[in-house]
Amino acid sequence: MTQTAVISDRENKIHDRIVLAKMLMKAFELWMVDNEGQLALLGLAAENRAALSRYRKGEPLGANRDLLERAGHLLAIHKNLRLLFPHDRDLAYQWMTTRNRAFDYRTPVEVVREWGFTGLLMVRAYLDHARGE
């Protein structure tokens, strides 16, 4: 692989992580998730508000595997909600911060705060199941 190809590949990966950051920040905004919830969903320390600020300014997501996997699950959750509630965007966007009997009357964000990555998988699996997948 030539040096130019390596640089181009690196630039493409950075661009992809910038796009992911923008998409996640928009989803968090639509879901009306507070900063603490956003950090929990991303698996970041509660003190790491600077990361959210950087992502909102258009910087790329970090290149670590956990963060990128979380991004994929969060975007799948967003997609599931839009498919489950195609005619009621308000319901789709409020779902992540609404108490749910399936989660012992906790919000999906609270489930992720409590259970971490496992909680994120629980929320995604619940929605996948609701869609019949």
N, C-alpha and C. Protein backbone atom coordinates (compact mmCIF):
# COMPACT_ATOMS: atom_id res chain seq x y z
N MET A 1 0.84 -1.17 0.00
CA MET A 1 0.00 0.00 0.00
C MET A 1 0.89 1.24 0.00
N THR A 2 0.57 2.17 -0.84
CA THR A 2 1.38 3.38 -0.93
C THR A 2 1.08 4.31 0.23
N GLN A 3 2.00 5.24 0.46
CA GLN A 3 1.81 6.20 1.54
C GLN A 3 0.55 7.04 1.30
N THR A 4 0.29 7.39 0.05
CA THR A 4 -0.90 8.16 -0.30
C THR A 4 -2.16 7.37 0.03
N ALA A 5 -2.17 6.08 -0.26
CA ALA A 5 -3.33 5.24 0.04
C ALA A 5 -3.54 5.13 1.54
N VAL A 6 -2.48 5.02 2.31
CA VAL A 6 -2.58 4.94 3.77
C VAL A 6 -3.16 6.24 4.33
N ILE A 7 -2.68 7.37 3.85
CA ILE A 7 -3.19 8.67 4.30
C ILE A 7 -4.66 8.81 3.92
N SER A 8 -5.03 8.42 2.71
CA SER A 8 -6.41 8.51 2.25
C SER A 8 -7.31 7.63 3.11
N ASP A 9 -6.86 6.42 3.42
CA ASP A 9 -7.63 5.50 4.26
C ASP A 9 -7.82 6.10 5.66
N ARG A 10 -6.78 6.68 6.21
CA ARG A 10 -6.85 7.30 7.54
C ARG A 10 -7.83 8.47 7.51
N GLU A 11 -7.76 9.29 6.46
CA GLU A 11 -8.68 10.43 6.34
C GLU A 11 -10.12 9.96 6.23
N ASN A 12 -10.36 8.88 5.50
CA ASN A 12 -11.71 8.33 5.37
C ASN A 12 -12.23 7.87 6.73
N LYS A 13 -11.38 7.21 7.51
CA LYS A 13 -11.80 6.74 8.83
C LYS A 13 -12.09 7.91 9.76
N ILE A 14 -11.29 8.96 9.70
CA ILE A 14 -11.54 10.15 10.52
C ILE A 14 -12.86 10.79 10.09
N HIS A 15 -13.07 10.90 8.78
CA HIS A 15 -14.32 11.47 8.27
C HIS A 15 -15.51 10.65 8.78
N ASP A 16 -15.42 9.33 8.74
CA ASP A 16 -16.51 8.47 9.21
C ASP A 16 -16.80 8.72 10.69
N ARG A 17 -15.76 8.92 11.49
CA ARG A 17 -15.94 9.16 12.93
C ARG A 17 -16.52 10.56 13.18
N ILE A 18 -16.23 11.51 12.31
CA ILE A 18 -16.84 12.84 12.40
C ILE A 18 -18.34 12.72 12.13
N VAL A 19 -18.69 11.99 11.09
CA VAL A 19 -20.10 11.79 10.73
C VAL A 19 -20.82 11.08 11.88
N LEU A 20 -20.20 10.06 12.46
CA LEU A 20 -20.81 9.35 13.59
C LEU A 20 -21.07 10.31 14.75
N ALA A 21 -20.10 11.14 15.07
CA ALA A 21 -20.25 12.09 16.17
C ALA A 21 -21.43 13.03 15.91
N LYS A 22 -21.53 13.54 14.70
CA LYS A 22 -22.64 14.44 14.36
C LYS A 22 -23.98 13.73 14.48
N MET A 23 -24.04 12.50 13.99
CA MET A 23 -25.28 11.74 14.05
C MET A 23 -25.69 11.47 15.50
N LEU A 24 -24.73 11.11 16.33
CA LEU A 24 -25.04 10.83 17.73
C LEU A 24 -25.49 12.09 18.46
N MET A 25 -24.81 13.19 18.23
CA MET A 25 -25.19 14.44 18.89
C MET A 25 -26.61 14.85 18.48
N LYS A 26 -26.97 14.63 17.22
CA LYS A 26 -28.32 14.95 16.76
C LYS A 26 -29.34 14.01 17.42
N ALA A 27 -29.03 12.73 17.50
CA ALA A 27 -29.93 11.78 18.16
C ALA A 27 -30.13 12.16 19.62
N PHE A 28 -29.05 12.49 20.32
CA PHE A 28 -29.16 12.88 21.73
C PHE A 28 -30.04 14.12 21.88
N GLU A 29 -29.89 15.06 20.95
CA GLU A 29 -30.70 16.27 20.97
C GLU A 29 -32.18 15.93 20.77
N LEU A 30 -32.47 15.10 19.79
CA LEU A 30 -33.85 14.69 19.51
C LEU A 30 -34.44 13.91 20.68
N TRP A 31 -33.62 13.07 21.30
CA TRP A 31 -34.08 12.26 22.44
C TRP A 31 -34.19 13.08 23.72
N MET A 32 -33.64 14.30 23.72
CA MET A 32 -33.64 15.18 24.89
C MET A 32 -32.91 14.53 26.08
N VAL A 33 -31.76 13.93 25.78
CA VAL A 33 -30.94 13.30 26.81
C VAL A 33 -29.98 14.35 27.37
N ASP A 34 -29.92 14.44 28.69
CA ASP A 34 -29.02 15.42 29.32
C ASP A 34 -27.55 14.98 29.16
N ASN A 35 -26.65 15.88 29.52
CA ASN A 35 -25.22 15.60 29.35
C ASN A 35 -24.78 14.33 30.07
N GLU A 36 -25.26 14.13 31.30
CA GLU A 36 -24.88 12.94 32.05
C GLU A 36 -25.35 11.68 31.35
N GLY A 37 -26.56 11.73 30.81
CA GLY A 37 -27.08 10.59 30.07
C GLY A 37 -26.29 10.33 28.80
N GLN A 38 -25.91 11.40 28.10
CA GLN A 38 -25.12 11.26 26.88
C GLN A 38 -23.79 10.59 27.18
N LEU A 39 -23.15 11.04 28.25
CA LEU A 39 -21.87 10.45 28.63
C LEU A 39 -22.04 8.98 28.98
N ALA A 40 -23.10 8.65 29.70
CA ALA A 40 -23.36 7.25 30.06
C ALA A 40 -23.59 6.40 28.81
N LEU A 41 -24.39 6.93 27.87
CA LEU A 41 -24.67 6.19 26.64
C LEU A 41 -23.39 5.93 25.85
N LEU A 42 -22.47 6.89 25.91
CA LEU A 42 -21.20 6.74 25.18
C LEU A 42 -20.16 5.97 25.99
N GLY A 43 -20.46 5.66 27.25
CA GLY A 43 -19.51 4.93 28.08
C GLY A 43 -18.36 5.79 28.55
N LEU A 44 -18.59 7.10 28.64
CA LEU A 44 -17.54 8.03 29.05
C LEU A 44 -17.75 8.44 30.50
N ALA A 45 -16.69 8.86 31.16
CA ALA A 45 -16.75 9.29 32.55
C ALA A 45 -17.66 10.51 32.68
N ALA A 46 -18.36 10.59 33.80
CA ALA A 46 -19.28 11.68 34.05
C ALA A 46 -18.59 13.05 34.02
N GLU A 47 -17.29 13.08 34.27
CA GLU A 47 -16.54 14.33 34.27
C GLU A 47 -16.07 14.73 32.88
N ASN A 48 -16.31 13.92 31.89
CA ASN A 48 -15.74 14.13 30.55
C ASN A 48 -16.67 14.95 29.65
N ARG A 49 -17.19 16.05 30.17
CA ARG A 49 -18.06 16.91 29.36
C ARG A 49 -17.32 17.52 28.17
N ALA A 50 -16.00 17.62 28.30
CA ALA A 50 -15.21 18.19 27.20
C ALA A 50 -15.36 17.36 25.93
N ALA A 51 -15.50 16.05 26.10
CA ALA A 51 -15.67 15.18 24.92
C ALA A 51 -16.95 15.54 24.18
N LEU A 52 -18.03 15.75 24.92
CA LEU A 52 -19.29 16.13 24.28
C LEU A 52 -19.15 17.45 23.54
N SER A 53 -18.47 18.37 24.16
CA SER A 53 -18.24 19.67 23.53
C SER A 53 -17.46 19.51 22.22
N ARG A 54 -16.43 18.67 22.26
CA ARG A 54 -15.64 18.45 21.03
C ARG A 54 -16.50 17.81 19.94
N TYR A 55 -17.31 16.83 20.30
CA TYR A 55 -18.15 16.16 19.30
C TYR A 55 -19.17 17.13 18.72
N ARG A 56 -19.72 18.00 19.56
CA ARG A 56 -20.69 18.98 19.06
C ARG A 56 -20.04 19.98 18.11
N LYS A 57 -18.75 20.20 18.29
CA LYS A 57 -18.01 21.13 17.41
C LYS A 57 -17.53 20.46 16.13
N GLY A 58 -17.81 19.17 15.97
CA GLY A 58 -17.45 18.50 14.73
C GLY A 58 -16.18 17.67 14.78
N GLU A 59 -15.63 17.45 15.98
CA GLU A 59 -14.45 16.59 16.07
C GLU A 59 -14.89 15.13 15.99
N PRO A 60 -14.00 14.25 15.53
CA PRO A 60 -14.37 12.84 15.38
C PRO A 60 -14.48 12.12 16.72
N LEU A 61 -15.30 11.08 16.73
CA LEU A 61 -15.34 10.20 17.89
C LEU A 61 -13.95 9.60 18.07
N GLY A 62 -13.64 9.26 19.30
CA GLY A 62 -12.38 8.57 19.55
C GLY A 62 -12.34 7.26 18.78
N ALA A 63 -11.16 6.80 18.49
CA ALA A 63 -11.01 5.61 17.65
C ALA A 63 -10.99 4.32 18.47
N ASN A 64 -11.53 4.35 19.70
CA ASN A 64 -11.48 3.11 20.48
C ASN A 64 -12.70 2.24 20.19
N ARG A 65 -12.50 0.97 20.29
CA ARG A 65 -13.49 -0.02 19.89
C ARG A 65 -14.79 0.10 20.68
N ASP A 66 -14.70 0.29 22.00
CA ASP A 66 -15.90 0.38 22.82
C ASP A 66 -16.79 1.53 22.37
N LEU A 67 -16.21 2.68 22.16
CA LEU A 67 -16.97 3.86 21.76
C LEU A 67 -17.62 3.65 20.39
N LEU A 68 -16.88 3.07 19.46
CA LEU A 68 -17.43 2.85 18.13
C LEU A 68 -18.54 1.79 18.14
N GLU A 69 -18.39 0.77 18.98
CA GLU A 69 -19.45 -0.23 19.10
C GLU A 69 -20.70 0.39 19.70
N ARG A 70 -20.51 1.21 20.73
CA ARG A 70 -21.64 1.90 21.34
C ARG A 70 -22.34 2.77 20.30
N ALA A 71 -21.57 3.48 19.49
CA ALA A 71 -22.14 4.34 18.45
C ALA A 71 -23.03 3.51 17.52
N GLY A 72 -22.56 2.35 17.13
CA GLY A 72 -23.35 1.49 16.26
C GLY A 72 -24.66 1.05 16.90
N HIS A 73 -24.60 0.69 18.18
CA HIS A 73 -25.82 0.27 18.88
C HIS A 73 -26.78 1.45 19.06
N LEU A 74 -26.25 2.62 19.39
CA LEU A 74 -27.10 3.80 19.56
C LEU A 74 -27.79 4.18 18.26
N LEU A 75 -27.08 4.11 17.16
CA LEU A 75 -27.71 4.43 15.87
C LEU A 75 -28.73 3.37 15.48
N ALA A 76 -28.48 2.11 15.86
CA ALA A 76 -29.47 1.05 15.60
C ALA A 76 -30.72 1.28 16.45
N ILE A 77 -30.54 1.74 17.68
CA ILE A 77 -31.69 2.08 18.53
C ILE A 77 -32.49 3.21 17.88
N HIS A 78 -31.80 4.22 17.42
CA HIS A 78 -32.47 5.35 16.76
C HIS A 78 -33.26 4.87 15.54
N LYS A 79 -32.64 4.03 14.75
CA LYS A 79 -33.32 3.48 13.56
C LYS A 79 -34.54 2.66 13.97
N ASN A 80 -34.38 1.80 14.98
CA ASN A 80 -35.51 0.98 15.44
C ASN A 80 -36.68 1.86 15.88
N LEU A 81 -36.37 2.91 16.64
CA LEU A 81 -37.44 3.78 17.13
C LEU A 81 -38.17 4.47 15.98
N ARG A 82 -37.43 4.89 14.99
CA ARG A 82 -38.08 5.54 13.84
C ARG A 82 -38.92 4.55 13.03
N LEU A 83 -38.48 3.30 12.98
CA LEU A 83 -39.26 2.28 12.26
C LEU A 83 -40.47 1.84 13.07
N LEU A 84 -40.34 1.77 14.39
CA LEU A 84 -41.45 1.36 15.24
C LEU A 84 -42.54 2.43 15.33
N PHE A 85 -42.15 3.69 15.26
CA PHE A 85 -43.09 4.79 15.39
C PHE A 85 -42.99 5.73 14.19
N PRO A 86 -43.26 5.23 12.99
CA PRO A 86 -43.06 6.05 11.79
C PRO A 86 -43.98 7.26 11.70
N HIS A 87 -45.13 7.19 12.36
CA HIS A 87 -46.09 8.28 12.25
C HIS A 87 -46.13 9.14 13.51
N ASP A 88 -45.26 8.86 14.46
CA ASP A 88 -45.25 9.63 15.70
C ASP A 88 -43.80 9.88 16.12
N ARG A 89 -43.17 10.85 15.48
CA ARG A 89 -41.77 11.17 15.78
C ARG A 89 -41.59 11.59 17.24
N ASP A 90 -42.58 12.30 17.80
CA ASP A 90 -42.46 12.72 19.20
C ASP A 90 -42.31 11.51 20.11
N LEU A 91 -43.12 10.49 19.88
CA LEU A 91 -43.02 9.27 20.68
C LEU A 91 -41.67 8.59 20.46
N ALA A 92 -41.24 8.52 19.22
CA ALA A 92 -39.94 7.91 18.92
C ALA A 92 -38.81 8.64 19.65
N TYR A 93 -38.87 9.96 19.67
CA TYR A 93 -37.80 10.74 20.27
C TYR A 93 -37.88 10.78 21.79
N GLN A 94 -39.07 10.63 22.36
CA GLN A 94 -39.22 10.64 23.81
C GLN A 94 -38.94 9.29 24.46
N TRP A 95 -38.92 8.24 23.66
CA TRP A 95 -38.85 6.89 24.19
C TRP A 95 -37.63 6.65 25.09
N MET A 96 -36.49 7.16 24.72
CA MET A 96 -35.27 6.92 25.49
C MET A 96 -35.30 7.55 26.88
N THR A 97 -36.13 8.56 27.07
CA THR A 97 -36.19 9.23 28.37
C THR A 97 -37.55 9.04 29.05
N THR A 98 -38.30 8.04 28.59
CA THR A 98 -39.61 7.74 29.18
C THR A 98 -39.53 6.43 29.95
N ARG A 99 -40.12 6.45 31.14
CA ARG A 99 -40.13 5.23 31.97
C ARG A 99 -40.85 4.12 31.23
N ASN A 100 -40.33 2.90 31.39
CA ASN A 100 -40.84 1.76 30.63
C ASN A 100 -41.03 0.57 31.57
N ARG A 101 -42.20 0.00 31.53
CA ARG A 101 -42.51 -1.16 32.37
C ARG A 101 -41.52 -2.30 32.12
N ALA A 102 -41.09 -2.45 30.88
CA ALA A 102 -40.16 -3.54 30.53
C ALA A 102 -38.82 -3.40 31.24
N PHE A 103 -38.50 -2.20 31.69
CA PHE A 103 -37.23 -1.94 32.38
C PHE A 103 -37.48 -1.56 33.85
N ASP A 104 -38.50 -2.19 34.46
CA ASP A 104 -38.86 -1.92 35.85
C ASP A 104 -39.11 -0.43 36.08
N TYR A 105 -39.80 0.17 35.15
CA TYR A 105 -40.19 1.58 35.20
C TYR A 105 -39.00 2.54 35.25
N ARG A 106 -37.90 2.09 34.68
CA ARG A 106 -36.75 2.99 34.47
C ARG A 106 -36.76 3.42 33.02
N THR A 107 -36.08 4.52 32.73
CA THR A 107 -35.94 4.93 31.33
C THR A 107 -34.82 4.10 30.71
N PRO A 108 -34.83 3.97 29.39
CA PRO A 108 -33.71 3.27 28.75
C PRO A 108 -32.35 3.91 29.07
N VAL A 109 -32.31 5.22 29.19
CA VAL A 109 -31.05 5.89 29.56
C VAL A 109 -30.62 5.45 30.95
N GLU A 110 -31.57 5.36 31.89
CA GLU A 110 -31.23 4.90 33.24
C GLU A 110 -30.72 3.46 33.23
N VAL A 111 -31.28 2.63 32.36
CA VAL A 111 -30.83 1.25 32.25
C VAL A 111 -29.36 1.22 31.82
N VAL A 112 -29.01 2.05 30.87
CA VAL A 112 -27.62 2.10 30.41
C VAL A 112 -26.72 2.68 31.50
N ARG A 113 -27.19 3.69 32.22
CA ARG A 113 -26.39 4.23 33.34
C ARG A 113 -26.09 3.15 34.37
N GLU A 114 -27.11 2.34 34.67
CA GLU A 114 -26.96 1.32 35.71
C GLU A 114 -26.15 0.12 35.23
N TRP A 115 -26.39 -0.35 34.03
CA TRP A 115 -25.81 -1.59 33.55
C TRP A 115 -24.66 -1.40 32.57
N GLY A 116 -24.40 -0.18 32.13
CA GLY A 116 -23.30 0.06 31.21
C GLY A 116 -23.57 -0.53 29.83
N PHE A 117 -22.54 -1.13 29.25
CA PHE A 117 -22.66 -1.68 27.90
C PHE A 117 -23.74 -2.77 27.84
N THR A 118 -23.84 -3.55 28.89
CA THR A 118 -24.88 -4.59 28.95
C THR A 118 -26.26 -3.95 28.88
N GLY A 119 -26.45 -2.83 29.56
CA GLY A 119 -27.73 -2.12 29.49
C GLY A 119 -28.03 -1.62 28.10
N LEU A 120 -27.01 -1.14 27.43
CA LEU A 120 -27.20 -0.69 26.04
C LEU A 120 -27.65 -1.86 25.16
N LEU A 121 -27.04 -3.01 25.37
CA LEU A 121 -27.44 -4.20 24.61
C LEU A 121 -28.86 -4.63 24.96
N MET A 122 -29.23 -4.47 26.23
CA MET A 122 -30.60 -4.82 26.66
C MET A 122 -31.62 -3.94 25.95
N VAL A 123 -31.35 -2.65 25.88
CA VAL A 123 -32.27 -1.71 25.23
C VAL A 123 -32.36 -2.04 23.74
N ARG A 124 -31.23 -2.27 23.12
CA ARG A 124 -31.25 -2.59 21.70
C ARG A 124 -31.99 -3.90 21.45
N ALA A 125 -31.73 -4.92 22.26
CA ALA A 125 -32.39 -6.21 22.08
C ALA A 125 -33.91 -6.08 22.25
N TYR A 126 -34.32 -5.26 23.20
CA TYR A 126 -35.75 -5.04 23.42
C TYR A 126 -36.39 -4.47 22.15
N LEU A 127 -35.74 -3.46 21.56
CA LEU A 127 -36.28 -2.85 20.35
C LEU A 127 -36.18 -3.78 19.14
N ASP A 128 -35.08 -4.52 19.03
CA ASP A 128 -34.97 -5.50 17.95
C ASP A 128 -36.10 -6.50 18.03
N HIS A 129 -36.39 -6.98 19.24
CA HIS A 129 -37.47 -7.93 19.46
C HIS A 129 -38.82 -7.30 19.09
N ALA A 130 -39.02 -6.04 19.50
CA ALA A 130 -40.27 -5.35 19.19
C ALA A 130 -40.49 -5.23 17.68
N ARG A 131 -39.41 -5.14 16.95
CA ARG A 131 -39.49 -5.05 15.49
C ARG A 131 -39.59 -6.42 14.84
N GLY A 132 -39.49 -7.47 15.64
CA GLY A 132 -39.60 -8.83 15.11
C GLY A 132 -38.32 -9.40 14.57
N GLU A 133 -37.19 -8.84 15.00
CA GLU A 133 -35.90 -9.34 14.53
C GLU A 133 -35.35 -10.37 15.49
